C-alpha atoms as a PDB file:
ATOM      1  CA  UNK A   1      -0.095  -0.220  -0.048  1.00  0.00           C
ATOM      2  CA  UNK A   2       2.734   2.819   0.599  1.00  0.00           C
ATOM      3  CA  UNK A   3       4.568   1.949  -2.797  1.00  0.00           C
ATOM      4  CA  UNK A   4       1.527   2.634  -4.645  1.00  0.00           C
ATOM      5  CA  UNK A   5       0.649   5.658  -2.610  1.00  0.00           C
ATOM      6  CA  UNK A   6       4.438   7.039  -2.945  1.00  0.00           C
ATOM      7  CA  UNK A   7       5.070   6.067  -6.636  1.00  0.00           C
ATOM      8  CA  UNK A   8       1.161   5.902  -8.274  1.00  0.00           C
ATOM      9  CA  UNK A   9      -0.977   8.594  -5.928  1.00  0.00           C
ATOM     10  CA  UNK A  10       2.548  10.668  -5.738  1.00  0.00           C
ATOM     11  CA  UNK A  11       1.967  11.449  -1.696  1.00  0.00           C
ATOM     12  CA  UNK A  12       4.613  12.246   0.338  1.00  0.00           C
ATOM     13  CA  UNK A  13       6.292  10.589   2.728  1.00  0.00           C
ATOM     14  CA  UNK A  14       4.940  13.288   5.447  1.00  0.00           C
ATOM     15  CA  UNK A  15       1.306  12.803   3.964  1.00  0.00           C
ATOM     16  CA  UNK A  16       1.557   8.797   3.785  1.00  0.00           C
ATOM     17  CA  UNK A  17       2.369   9.129   7.588  1.00  0.00           C
ATOM     18  CA  UNK A  18      -0.571  11.424   8.288  1.00  0.00           C
ATOM     19  CA  UNK A  19      -2.756   9.143   6.222  1.00  0.00           C
ATOM     20  CA  UNK A  20      -2.038   5.994   8.050  1.00  0.00           C
ATOM     21  CA  UNK A  21      -0.986   6.911  11.361  1.00  0.00           C
ATOM     22  CA  UNK A  22       2.702   6.508  11.453  1.00  0.00           C
ATOM     23  CA  UNK A  23       5.921   8.574  11.429  1.00  0.00           C
ATOM     24  CA  UNK A  24       8.185   9.770   8.631  1.00  0.00           C
ATOM     25  CA  UNK A  25      10.704   7.371   9.500  1.00  0.00           C
ATOM     26  CA  UNK A  26       8.732   4.549  10.198  1.00  0.00           C
ATOM     27  CA  UNK A  27       6.966   4.713   6.838  1.00  0.00           C
ATOM     28  CA  UNK A  28      10.586   5.311   5.016  1.00  0.00           C
ATOM     29  CA  UNK A  29      11.830   1.880   6.697  1.00  0.00           C
ATOM     30  CA  UNK A  30       8.523   0.592   4.760  1.00  0.00           C
ATOM     31  CA  UNK A  31       9.416   1.921   1.431  1.00  0.00           C
ATOM     32  CA  UNK A  32      13.106   0.612   1.710  1.00  0.00           C
ATOM     33  CA  UNK A  33      11.232  -2.690   3.076  1.00  0.00           C
ATOM     34  CA  UNK A  34       8.772  -3.259   0.325  1.00  0.00           C
ATOM     35  CA  UNK A  35      11.632  -1.920  -2.233  1.00  0.00           C
ATOM     36  CA  UNK A  36      13.833  -5.209  -1.367  1.00  0.00           C
ATOM     37  CA  UNK A  37      11.017  -7.497  -1.424  1.00  0.00           C
ATOM     38  CA  UNK A  38      10.116  -6.279  -4.677  1.00  0.00           C
ATOM     39  CA  UNK A  39      13.245  -6.511  -6.004  1.00  0.00           C
ATOM     40  CA  UNK A  40      13.277  -9.897  -4.552  1.00  0.00           C
ATOM     41  CA  UNK A  41      10.347 -10.649  -6.351  1.00  0.00           C
ATOM     42  CA  UNK A  42      11.360  -9.445  -9.828  1.00  0.00           C
ATOM     43  CA  UNK A  43      14.522 -11.565  -9.691  1.00  0.00           C
ATOM     44  CA  UNK A  44      13.006 -14.650  -9.102  1.00  0.00           C
ATOM     45  CA  UNK A  45      11.178 -14.825 -12.621  1.00  0.00           C
ATOM     46  CA  UNK A  46       7.212 -15.157 -13.050  1.00  0.00           C
ATOM     47  CA  UNK A  47       5.469 -12.893 -10.785  1.00  0.00           C
ATOM     48  CA  UNK A  48       2.274 -13.832  -9.430  1.00  0.00           C
ATOM     49  CA  UNK A  49      -0.820 -11.858  -9.049  1.00  0.00           C
ATOM     50  CA  UNK A  50      -2.650 -13.356  -6.174  1.00  0.00           C
END
């Protein structure tokens, strides 16, 4: 959800934090972890949509 808000809806880190009641640092951490997870999935080949 955070990736979608940041990249597709173009919300700032601050706006995402306010929206889902997290600190800016927590949003940054989750963005970083989500990017790593996405990279791992993409490197694995086929991505399935669940």
